[in-house]
Amino acid sequence: MVLLQEQAELIGLQAVAWLAGQDELLPVFLGSTGASEQDFREGLGDPAFQGAVLDFLLMNDAWVRQFCAAQDLPPDMPFRARQALPGGGEVHWT
């Protein structure tokens, strides 16, 4: 099932909000991306930024599980949302 852009953006926004509340994980995101706290606040509604947050969460299964449990989402939903956001298409190496 492919998500509509609006559904993907809602999940992306939920991911940004969830990450903002993770005192230990947020600094890891900021440090690994080079984003500032101001960039984080300004990126809330930006689908490309939401995609970057989902990319970050998808690096670790435990983060995905924690996010999905907090939002009552199926565990594949962050990946499906990421695919529907800018830059989230599957890469074909051939």
PDB file of N, CA and C in Angstrom:
ATOM      1  N   MET A   1       0.839  -1.186   0.000  1.00  0.00           N
ATOM      2  CA  MET A   1       0.000   0.000   0.000  1.00  0.00           C
ATOM      3  C   MET A   1       0.879   1.242   0.000  1.00  0.00           C
ATOM      4  N   VAL A   2       0.652   2.108  -0.954  1.00  0.00           N
ATOM      5  CA  VAL A   2       1.388   3.363  -1.057  1.00  0.00           C
ATOM      6  C   VAL A   2       0.626   4.442  -0.294  1.00  0.00           C
ATOM      7  N   LEU A   3       1.348   5.207   0.489  1.00  0.00           N
ATOM      8  CA  LEU A   3       0.711   6.285   1.245  1.00  0.00           C
ATOM      9  C   LEU A   3       0.527   7.510   0.368  1.00  0.00           C
ATOM     10  N   LEU A   4      -0.513   8.241   0.622  1.00  0.00           N
ATOM     11  CA  LEU A   4      -0.705   9.534  -0.017  1.00  0.00           C
ATOM     12  C   LEU A   4       0.270  10.525   0.601  1.00  0.00           C
ATOM     13  N   GLN A   5       0.603  11.562  -0.131  1.00  0.00           N
ATOM     14  CA  GLN A   5       1.544  12.574   0.345  1.00  0.00           C
ATOM     15  C   GLN A   5       1.113  13.146   1.699  1.00  0.00           C
ATOM     16  N   GLU A   6      -0.177  13.432   1.845  1.00  0.00           N
ATOM     17  CA  GLU A   6      -0.667  14.004   3.107  1.00  0.00           C
ATOM     18  C   GLU A   6      -0.466  13.049   4.276  1.00  0.00           C
ATOM     19  N   GLN A   7      -0.715  11.761   4.053  1.00  0.00           N
ATOM     20  CA  GLN A   7      -0.510  10.769   5.110  1.00  0.00           C
ATOM     21  C   GLN A   7       0.964  10.677   5.488  1.00  0.00           C
ATOM     22  N   ALA A   8       1.820  10.684   4.473  1.00  0.00           N
ATOM     23  CA  ALA A   8       3.263  10.599   4.718  1.00  0.00           C
ATOM     24  C   ALA A   8       3.752  11.823   5.479  1.00  0.00           C
ATOM     25  N   GLU A   9       3.242  12.997   5.120  1.00  0.00           N
ATOM     26  CA  GLU A   9       3.653  14.214   5.818  1.00  0.00           C
ATOM     27  C   GLU A   9       3.174  14.213   7.268  1.00  0.00           C
ATOM     28  N   LEU A  10       2.007  13.661   7.519  1.00  0.00           N
ATOM     29  CA  LEU A  10       1.512  13.570   8.894  1.00  0.00           C
ATOM     30  C   LEU A  10       2.437  12.671   9.725  1.00  0.00           C
ATOM     31  N   ILE A  11       2.823  11.529   9.171  1.00  0.00           N
ATOM     32  CA  ILE A  11       3.738  10.633   9.878  1.00  0.00           C
ATOM     33  C   ILE A  11       5.098  11.293  10.036  1.00  0.00           C
ATOM     34  N   GLY A  12       5.536  12.020   9.015  1.00  0.00           N
ATOM     35  CA  GLY A  12       6.801  12.757   9.114  1.00  0.00           C
ATOM     36  C   GLY A  12       6.753  13.796  10.215  1.00  0.00           C
ATOM     37  N   LEU A  13       5.658  14.495  10.320  1.00  0.00           N
ATOM     38  CA  LEU A  13       5.498  15.496  11.382  1.00  0.00           C
ATOM     39  C   LEU A  13       5.464  14.825  12.751  1.00  0.00           C
ATOM     40  N   GLN A  14       4.799  13.687  12.839  1.00  0.00           N
ATOM     41  CA  GLN A  14       4.785  12.935  14.094  1.00  0.00           C
ATOM     42  C   GLN A  14       6.201  12.499  14.475  1.00  0.00           C
ATOM     43  N   ALA A  15       6.993  12.113  13.483  1.00  0.00           N
ATOM     44  CA  ALA A  15       8.381  11.696  13.744  1.00  0.00           C
ATOM     45  C   ALA A  15       9.210  12.868  14.251  1.00  0.00           C
ATOM     46  N   VAL A  16       9.034  14.036  13.648  1.00  0.00           N
ATOM     47  CA  VAL A  16       9.768  15.227  14.095  1.00  0.00           C
ATOM     48  C   VAL A  16       9.375  15.561  15.533  1.00  0.00           C
ATOM     49  N   ALA A  17       8.075  15.541  15.813  1.00  0.00           N
ATOM     50  CA  ALA A  17       7.602  15.857  17.165  1.00  0.00           C
ATOM     51  C   ALA A  17       8.114  14.828  18.170  1.00  0.00           C
ATOM     52  N   TRP A  18       8.094  13.553  17.798  1.00  0.00           N
ATOM     53  CA  TRP A  18       8.586  12.508  18.694  1.00  0.00           C
ATOM     54  C   TRP A  18      10.070  12.702  18.979  1.00  0.00           C
ATOM     55  N   LEU A  19      10.832  12.959  17.921  1.00  0.00           N
ATOM     56  CA  LEU A  19      12.273  13.156  18.089  1.00  0.00           C
ATOM     57  C   LEU A  19      12.567  14.361  18.974  1.00  0.00           C
ATOM     58  N   ALA A  20      11.777  15.415  18.841  1.00  0.00           N
ATOM     59  CA  ALA A  20      11.969  16.614  19.663  1.00  0.00           C
ATOM     60  C   ALA A  20      11.845  16.297  21.149  1.00  0.00           C
ATOM     61  N   GLY A  21      11.064  15.293  21.497  1.00  0.00           N
ATOM     62  CA  GLY A  21      10.871  14.923  22.888  1.00  0.00           C
ATOM     63  C   GLY A  21      11.866  13.899  23.413  1.00  0.00           C
ATOM     64  N   GLN A  22      12.801  13.486  22.581  1.00  0.00           N
ATOM     65  CA  GLN A  22      13.789  12.482  22.975  1.00  0.00           C
ATOM     66  C   GLN A  22      15.090  13.177  23.370  1.00  0.00           C
ATOM     67  N   ASP A  23      15.242  13.455  24.659  1.00  0.00           N
ATOM     68  CA  ASP A  23      16.375  14.247  25.145  1.00  0.00           C
ATOM     69  C   ASP A  23      17.739  13.644  24.828  1.00  0.00           C
ATOM     70  N   GLU A  24      17.822  12.328  24.774  1.00  0.00           N
ATOM     71  CA  GLU A  24      19.111  11.699  24.474  1.00  0.00           C
ATOM     72  C   GLU A  24      19.332  11.531  22.978  1.00  0.00           C
ATOM     73  N   LEU A  25      18.278  11.375  22.219  1.00  0.00           N
ATOM     74  CA  LEU A  25      18.389  11.098  20.791  1.00  0.00           C
ATOM     75  C   LEU A  25      18.457  12.366  19.943  1.00  0.00           C
ATOM     76  N   LEU A  26      17.778  13.418  20.349  1.00  0.00           N
ATOM     77  CA  LEU A  26      17.776  14.650  19.560  1.00  0.00           C
ATOM     78  C   LEU A  26      19.190  15.190  19.328  1.00  0.00           C
ATOM     79  N   PRO A  27      20.051  15.259  20.349  1.00  0.00           N
ATOM     80  CA  PRO A  27      21.414  15.742  20.091  1.00  0.00           C
ATOM     81  C   PRO A  27      22.193  14.850  19.116  1.00  0.00           C
ATOM     82  N   VAL A  28      21.888  13.557  19.102  1.00  0.00           N
ATOM     83  CA  VAL A  28      22.541  12.653  18.148  1.00  0.00           C
ATOM     84  C   VAL A  28      22.123  13.030  16.729  1.00  0.00           C
ATOM     85  N   PHE A  29      20.830  13.289  16.544  1.00  0.00           N
ATOM     86  CA  PHE A  29      20.339  13.714  15.234  1.00  0.00           C
ATOM     87  C   PHE A  29      20.992  15.025  14.818  1.00  0.00           C
ATOM     88  N   LEU A  30      20.985  16.000  15.713  1.00  0.00           N
ATOM     89  CA  LEU A  30      21.563  17.304  15.376  1.00  0.00           C
ATOM     90  C   LEU A  30      23.044  17.172  15.046  1.00  0.00           C
ATOM     91  N   GLY A  31      23.763  16.385  15.820  1.00  0.00           N
ATOM     92  CA  GLY A  31      25.190  16.206  15.574  1.00  0.00           C
ATOM     93  C   GLY A  31      25.484  15.471  14.283  1.00  0.00           C
ATOM     94  N   SER A  32      24.671  14.487  13.963  1.00  0.00           N
ATOM     95  CA  SER A  32      24.938  13.701  12.756  1.00  0.00           C
ATOM     96  C   SER A  32      24.512  14.418  11.481  1.00  0.00           C
ATOM     97  N   THR A  33      23.563  15.333  11.588  1.00  0.00           N
ATOM     98  CA  THR A  33      23.093  16.039  10.391  1.00  0.00           C
ATOM     99  C   THR A  33      23.699  17.432  10.247  1.00  0.00           C
ATOM    100  N   GLY A  34      24.221  17.965  11.335  1.00  0.00           N
ATOM    101  CA  GLY A  34      24.728  19.335  11.306  1.00  0.00           C
ATOM    102  C   GLY A  34      23.629  20.370  11.443  1.00  0.00           C
ATOM    103  N   ALA A  35      22.409  19.921  11.696  1.00  0.00           N
ATOM    104  CA  ALA A  35      21.292  20.855  11.856  1.00  0.00           C
ATOM    105  C   ALA A  35      21.373  21.512  13.236  1.00  0.00           C
ATOM    106  N   SER A  36      20.944  22.747  13.284  1.00  0.00           N
ATOM    107  CA  SER A  36      20.871  23.455  14.561  1.00  0.00           C
ATOM    108  C   SER A  36      19.463  23.273  15.138  1.00  0.00           C
ATOM    109  N   GLU A  37      19.293  23.696  16.380  1.00  0.00           N
ATOM    110  CA  GLU A  37      17.943  23.641  16.970  1.00  0.00           C
ATOM    111  C   GLU A  37      16.987  24.537  16.188  1.00  0.00           C
ATOM    112  N   GLN A  38      17.499  25.655  15.683  1.00  0.00           N
ATOM    113  CA  GLN A  38      16.653  26.545  14.877  1.00  0.00           C
ATOM    114  C   GLN A  38      16.266  25.858  13.567  1.00  0.00           C
ATOM    115  N   ASP A  39      17.221  25.181  12.921  1.00  0.00           N
ATOM    116  CA  ASP A  39      16.904  24.430  11.703  1.00  0.00           C
ATOM    117  C   ASP A  39      15.817  23.402  11.987  1.00  0.00           C
ATOM    118  N   PHE A  40      15.926  22.758  13.148  1.00  0.00           N
ATOM    119  CA  PHE A  40      14.952  21.736  13.533  1.00  0.00           C
ATOM    120  C   PHE A  40      13.562  22.355  13.649  1.00  0.00           C
ATOM    121  N   ARG A  41      13.467  23.486  14.334  1.00  0.00           N
ATOM    122  CA  ARG A  41      12.159  24.146  14.497  1.00  0.00           C
ATOM    123  C   ARG A  41      11.611  24.613  13.150  1.00  0.00           C
ATOM    124  N   GLU A  42      12.471  25.160  12.309  1.00  0.00           N
ATOM    125  CA  GLU A  42      12.024  25.678  11.009  1.00  0.00           C
ATOM    126  C   GLU A  42      11.648  24.559  10.038  1.00  0.00           C
ATOM    127  N   GLY A  43      12.173  23.353  10.258  1.00  0.00           N
ATOM    128  CA  GLY A  43      11.922  22.249   9.344  1.00  0.00           C
ATOM    129  C   GLY A  43      10.678  21.442   9.636  1.00  0.00           C
ATOM    130  N   LEU A  44       9.959  21.801  10.677  1.00  0.00           N
ATOM    131  CA  LEU A  44       8.790  21.017  11.093  1.00  0.00           C
ATOM    132  C   LEU A  44       7.836  20.703   9.948  1.00  0.00           C
ATOM    133  N   GLY A  45       7.478  21.691   9.171  1.00  0.00           N
ATOM    134  CA  GLY A  45       6.496  21.503   8.113  1.00  0.00           C
ATOM    135  C   GLY A  45       7.091  21.186   6.756  1.00  0.00           C
ATOM    136  N   ASP A  46       8.401  21.021   6.673  1.00  0.00           N
ATOM    137  CA  ASP A  46       9.081  20.767   5.403  1.00  0.00           C
ATOM    138  C   ASP A  46       9.141  19.263   5.146  1.00  0.00           C
ATOM    139  N   PRO A  47       8.464  18.777   4.098  1.00  0.00           N
ATOM    140  CA  PRO A  47       8.482  17.340   3.824  1.00  0.00           C
ATOM    141  C   PRO A  47       9.891  16.770   3.620  1.00  0.00           C
ATOM    142  N   ALA A  48      10.797  17.548   3.053  1.00  0.00           N
ATOM    143  CA  ALA A  48      12.169  17.061   2.874  1.00  0.00           C
ATOM    144  C   ALA A  48      12.854  16.885   4.228  1.00  0.00           C
ATOM    145  N   PHE A  49      12.617  17.799   5.160  1.00  0.00           N
ATOM    146  CA  PHE A  49      13.188  17.679   6.505  1.00  0.00           C
ATOM    147  C   PHE A  49      12.559  16.499   7.242  1.00  0.00           C
ATOM    148  N   GLN A  50      11.259  16.338   7.097  1.00  0.00           N
ATOM    149  CA  GLN A  50      10.582  15.194   7.700  1.00  0.00           C
ATOM    150  C   GLN A  50      11.187  13.887   7.181  1.00  0.00           C
ATOM    151  N   GLY A  51      11.499  13.870   5.894  1.00  0.00           N
ATOM    152  CA  GLY A  51      12.147  12.695   5.305  1.00  0.00           C
ATOM    153  C   GLY A  51      13.511  12.444   5.921  1.00  0.00           C
ATOM    154  N   ALA A  52      14.259  13.516   6.190  1.00  0.00           N
ATOM    155  CA  ALA A  52      15.566  13.360   6.826  1.00  0.00           C
ATOM    156  C   ALA A  52      15.433  12.786   8.228  1.00  0.00           C
ATOM    157  N   VAL A  53      14.412  13.212   8.951  1.00  0.00           N
ATOM    158  CA  VAL A  53      14.167  12.668  10.293  1.00  0.00           C
ATOM    159  C   VAL A  53      13.809  11.190  10.183  1.00  0.00           C
ATOM    160  N   LEU A  54      12.967  10.835   9.238  1.00  0.00           N
ATOM    161  CA  LEU A  54      12.619   9.430   9.060  1.00  0.00           C
ATOM    162  C   LEU A  54      13.833   8.615   8.637  1.00  0.00           C
ATOM    163  N   ASP A  55      14.686   9.161   7.765  1.00  0.00           N
ATOM    164  CA  ASP A  55      15.933   8.468   7.400  1.00  0.00           C
ATOM    165  C   ASP A  55      16.747   8.162   8.644  1.00  0.00           C
ATOM    166  N   PHE A  56      16.855   9.141   9.526  1.00  0.00           N
ATOM    167  CA  PHE A  56      17.610   8.975  10.765  1.00  0.00           C
ATOM    168  C   PHE A  56      16.985   7.874  11.631  1.00  0.00           C
ATOM    169  N   LEU A  57      15.679   7.930  11.831  1.00  0.00           N
ATOM    170  CA  LEU A  57      15.016   6.924  12.660  1.00  0.00           C
ATOM    171  C   LEU A  57      15.165   5.524  12.073  1.00  0.00           C
ATOM    172  N   LEU A  58      15.122   5.427  10.753  1.00  0.00           N
ATOM    173  CA  LEU A  58      15.197   4.132  10.090  1.00  0.00           C
ATOM    174  C   LEU A  58      16.577   3.486  10.188  1.00  0.00           C
ATOM    175  N   MET A  59      17.546   4.216  10.690  1.00  0.00           N
ATOM    176  CA  MET A  59      18.885   3.646  10.865  1.00  0.00           C
ATOM    177  C   MET A  59      18.934   2.653  12.028  1.00  0.00           C
ATOM    178  N   ASN A  60      17.935   2.677  12.904  1.00  0.00           N
ATOM    179  CA  ASN A  60      17.996   1.863  14.113  1.00  0.00           C
ATOM    180  C   ASN A  60      16.619   1.256  14.388  1.00  0.00           C
ATOM    181  N   ASP A  61      16.549  -0.052  14.392  1.00  0.00           N
ATOM    182  CA  ASP A  61      15.259  -0.726  14.606  1.00  0.00           C
ATOM    183  C   ASP A  61      14.630  -0.356  15.942  1.00  0.00           C
ATOM    184  N   ALA A  62      15.446  -0.164  16.971  1.00  0.00           N
ATOM    185  CA  ALA A  62      14.901   0.183  18.292  1.00  0.00           C
ATOM    186  C   ALA A  62      14.212   1.541  18.240  1.00  0.00           C
ATOM    187  N   TRP A  63      14.789   2.492  17.510  1.00  0.00           N
ATOM    188  CA  TRP A  63      14.170   3.821  17.386  1.00  0.00           C
ATOM    189  C   TRP A  63      12.846   3.707  16.660  1.00  0.00           C
ATOM    190  N   VAL A  64      12.824   2.903  15.599  1.00  0.00           N
ATOM    191  CA  VAL A  64      11.579   2.708  14.840  1.00  0.00           C
ATOM    192  C   VAL A  64      10.509   2.112  15.748  1.00  0.00           C
ATOM    193  N   ARG A  65      10.879   1.084  16.500  1.00  0.00           N
ATOM    194  CA  ARG A  65       9.904   0.454  17.394  1.00  0.00           C
ATOM    195  C   ARG A  65       9.389   1.436  18.441  1.00  0.00           C
ATOM    196  N   GLN A  66      10.290   2.232  19.017  1.00  0.00           N
ATOM    197  CA  GLN A  66       9.881   3.203  20.038  1.00  0.00           C
ATOM    198  C   GLN A  66       8.932   4.244  19.448  1.00  0.00           C
ATOM    199  N   PHE A  67       9.287   4.769  18.286  1.00  0.00           N
ATOM    200  CA  PHE A  67       8.430   5.759  17.628  1.00  0.00           C
ATOM    201  C   PHE A  67       7.059   5.160  17.303  1.00  0.00           C
ATOM    202  N   CYS A  68       7.047   3.978  16.714  1.00  0.00           N
ATOM    203  CA  CYS A  68       5.789   3.348  16.316  1.00  0.00           C
ATOM    204  C   CYS A  68       4.928   3.023  17.530  1.00  0.00           C
ATOM    205  N   ALA A  69       5.553   2.581  18.609  1.00  0.00           N
ATOM    206  CA  ALA A  69       4.788   2.292  19.826  1.00  0.00           C
ATOM    207  C   ALA A  69       4.172   3.566  20.382  1.00  0.00           C
ATOM    208  N   ALA A  70       4.919   4.656  20.360  1.00  0.00           N
ATOM    209  CA  ALA A  70       4.411   5.928  20.886  1.00  0.00           C
ATOM    210  C   ALA A  70       3.268   6.472  20.038  1.00  0.00           C
ATOM    211  N   GLN A  71       3.289   6.204  18.745  1.00  0.00           N
ATOM    212  CA  GLN A  71       2.271   6.737  17.832  1.00  0.00           C
ATOM    213  C   GLN A  71       1.206   5.705  17.479  1.00  0.00           C
ATOM    214  N   ASP A  72       1.333   4.501  18.009  1.00  0.00           N
ATOM    215  CA  ASP A  72       0.414   3.409  17.703  1.00  0.00           C
ATOM    216  C   ASP A  72       0.349   3.158  16.193  1.00  0.00           C
ATOM    217  N   LEU A  73       1.536   3.015  15.594  1.00  0.00           N
ATOM    218  CA  LEU A  73       1.655   2.769  14.161  1.00  0.00           C
ATOM    219  C   LEU A  73       2.240   1.386  13.911  1.00  0.00           C
ATOM    220  N   PRO A  74       1.899   0.762  12.794  1.00  0.00           N
ATOM    221  CA  PRO A  74       2.563  -0.491  12.421  1.00  0.00           C
ATOM    222  C   PRO A  74       4.052  -0.218  12.178  1.00  0.00           C
ATOM    223  N   PRO A  75       4.912  -1.186  12.434  1.00  0.00           N
ATOM    224  CA  PRO A  75       6.352  -0.940  12.338  1.00  0.00           C
ATOM    225  C   PRO A  75       6.872  -0.636  10.937  1.00  0.00           C
ATOM    226  N   ASP A  76       6.101  -0.925   9.901  1.00  0.00           N
ATOM    227  CA  ASP A  76       6.553  -0.613   8.547  1.00  0.00           C
ATOM    228  C   ASP A  76       6.148   0.800   8.097  1.00  0.00           C
ATOM    229  N   MET A  77       5.368   1.477   8.900  1.00  0.00           N
ATOM    230  CA  MET A  77       4.827   2.778   8.499  1.00  0.00           C
ATOM    231  C   MET A  77       5.898   3.853   8.294  1.00  0.00           C
ATOM    232  N   PRO A  78       6.923   3.962   9.139  1.00  0.00           N
ATOM    233  CA  PRO A  78       7.947   4.986   8.866  1.00  0.00           C
ATOM    234  C   PRO A  78       8.629   4.783   7.514  1.00  0.00           C
ATOM    235  N   PHE A  79       8.906   3.534   7.156  1.00  0.00           N
ATOM    236  CA  PHE A  79       9.528   3.266   5.859  1.00  0.00           C
ATOM    237  C   PHE A  79       8.589   3.638   4.719  1.00  0.00           C
ATOM    238  N   ARG A  80       7.338   3.274   4.855  1.00  0.00           N
ATOM    239  CA  ARG A  80       6.365   3.596   3.800  1.00  0.00           C
ATOM    240  C   ARG A  80       6.179   5.103   3.673  1.00  0.00           C
ATOM    241  N   ALA A  81       6.161   5.808   4.808  1.00  0.00           N
ATOM    242  CA  ALA A  81       6.042   7.265   4.758  1.00  0.00           C
ATOM    243  C   ALA A  81       7.283   7.866   4.114  1.00  0.00           C
ATOM    244  N   ARG A  82       8.445   7.327   4.455  1.00  0.00           N
ATOM    245  CA  ARG A  82       9.683   7.869   3.882  1.00  0.00           C
ATOM    246  C   ARG A  82       9.686   7.741   2.375  1.00  0.00           C
ATOM    247  N   GLN A  83       9.183   6.648   1.862  1.00  0.00           N
ATOM    248  CA  GLN A  83       9.136   6.445   0.415  1.00  0.00           C
ATOM    249  C   GLN A  83       8.266   7.479  -0.278  1.00  0.00           C
ATOM    250  N   ALA A  84       7.246   7.988   0.401  1.00  0.00           N
ATOM    251  CA  ALA A  84       6.307   8.929  -0.205  1.00  0.00           C
ATOM    252  C   ALA A  84       6.769  10.386  -0.092  1.00  0.00           C
ATOM    253  N   LEU A  85       7.795  10.635   0.725  1.00  0.00           N
ATOM    254  CA  LEU A  85       8.289  12.007   0.899  1.00  0.00           C
ATOM    255  C   LEU A  85       9.404  12.291  -0.095  1.00  0.00           C
ATOM    256  N   PRO A  86       9.729  13.572  -0.337  1.00  0.00           N
ATOM    257  CA  PRO A  86      10.782  13.924  -1.298  1.00  0.00           C
ATOM    258  C   PRO A  86      12.095  13.202  -1.006  1.00  0.00           C
ATOM    259  N   GLY A  87      12.669  12.611  -2.054  1.00  0.00           N
ATOM    260  CA  GLY A  87      13.937  11.906  -1.929  1.00  0.00           C
ATOM    261  C   GLY A  87      13.809  10.494  -1.407  1.00  0.00           C
ATOM    262  N   GLY A  88      12.595  10.013  -1.257  1.00  0.00           N
ATOM    263  CA  GLY A  88      12.394   8.705  -0.651  1.00  0.00           C
ATOM    264  C   GLY A  88      12.163   7.570  -1.620  1.00  0.00           C
ATOM    265  N   GLY A  89      12.269   7.824  -2.905  1.00  0.00           N
ATOM    266  CA  GLY A  89      12.060   6.752  -3.873  1.00  0.00           C
ATOM    267  C   GLY A  89      13.137   5.710  -3.772  1.00  0.00           C
ATOM    268  N   GLU A  90      12.793   4.500  -4.174  1.00  0.00           N
ATOM    269  CA  GLU A  90      13.777   3.413  -4.135  1.00  0.00           C
ATOM    270  C   GLU A  90      14.868   3.673  -5.152  1.00  0.00           C
ATOM    271  N   VAL A  91      16.092   3.329  -4.755  1.00  0.00           N
ATOM    272  CA  VAL A  91      17.250   3.487  -5.635  1.00  0.00           C
ATOM    273  C   VAL A  91      17.405   2.207  -6.443  1.00  0.00           C
ATOM    274  N   HIS A  92      17.564   2.364  -7.736  1.00  0.00           N
ATOM    275  CA  HIS A  92      17.817   1.225  -8.626  1.00  0.00           C
ATOM    276  C   HIS A  92      19.245   1.355  -9.118  1.00  0.00           C
ATOM    277  N   TRP A  93      20.084   0.407  -8.747  1.00  0.00           N
ATOM    278  CA  TRP A  93      21.508   0.493  -9.020  1.00  0.00           C
ATOM    279  C   TRP A  93      21.882  -0.056 -10.382  1.00  0.00           C
ATOM    280  N   THR A  94      20.929  -0.432 -11.209  1.00  0.00           N
ATOM    281  CA  THR A  94      21.274  -0.974 -12.525  1.00  0.00           C
ATOM    282  C   THR A  94      21.116   0.069 -13.590  1.00  0.00           C
TER     283      THR A  94
END
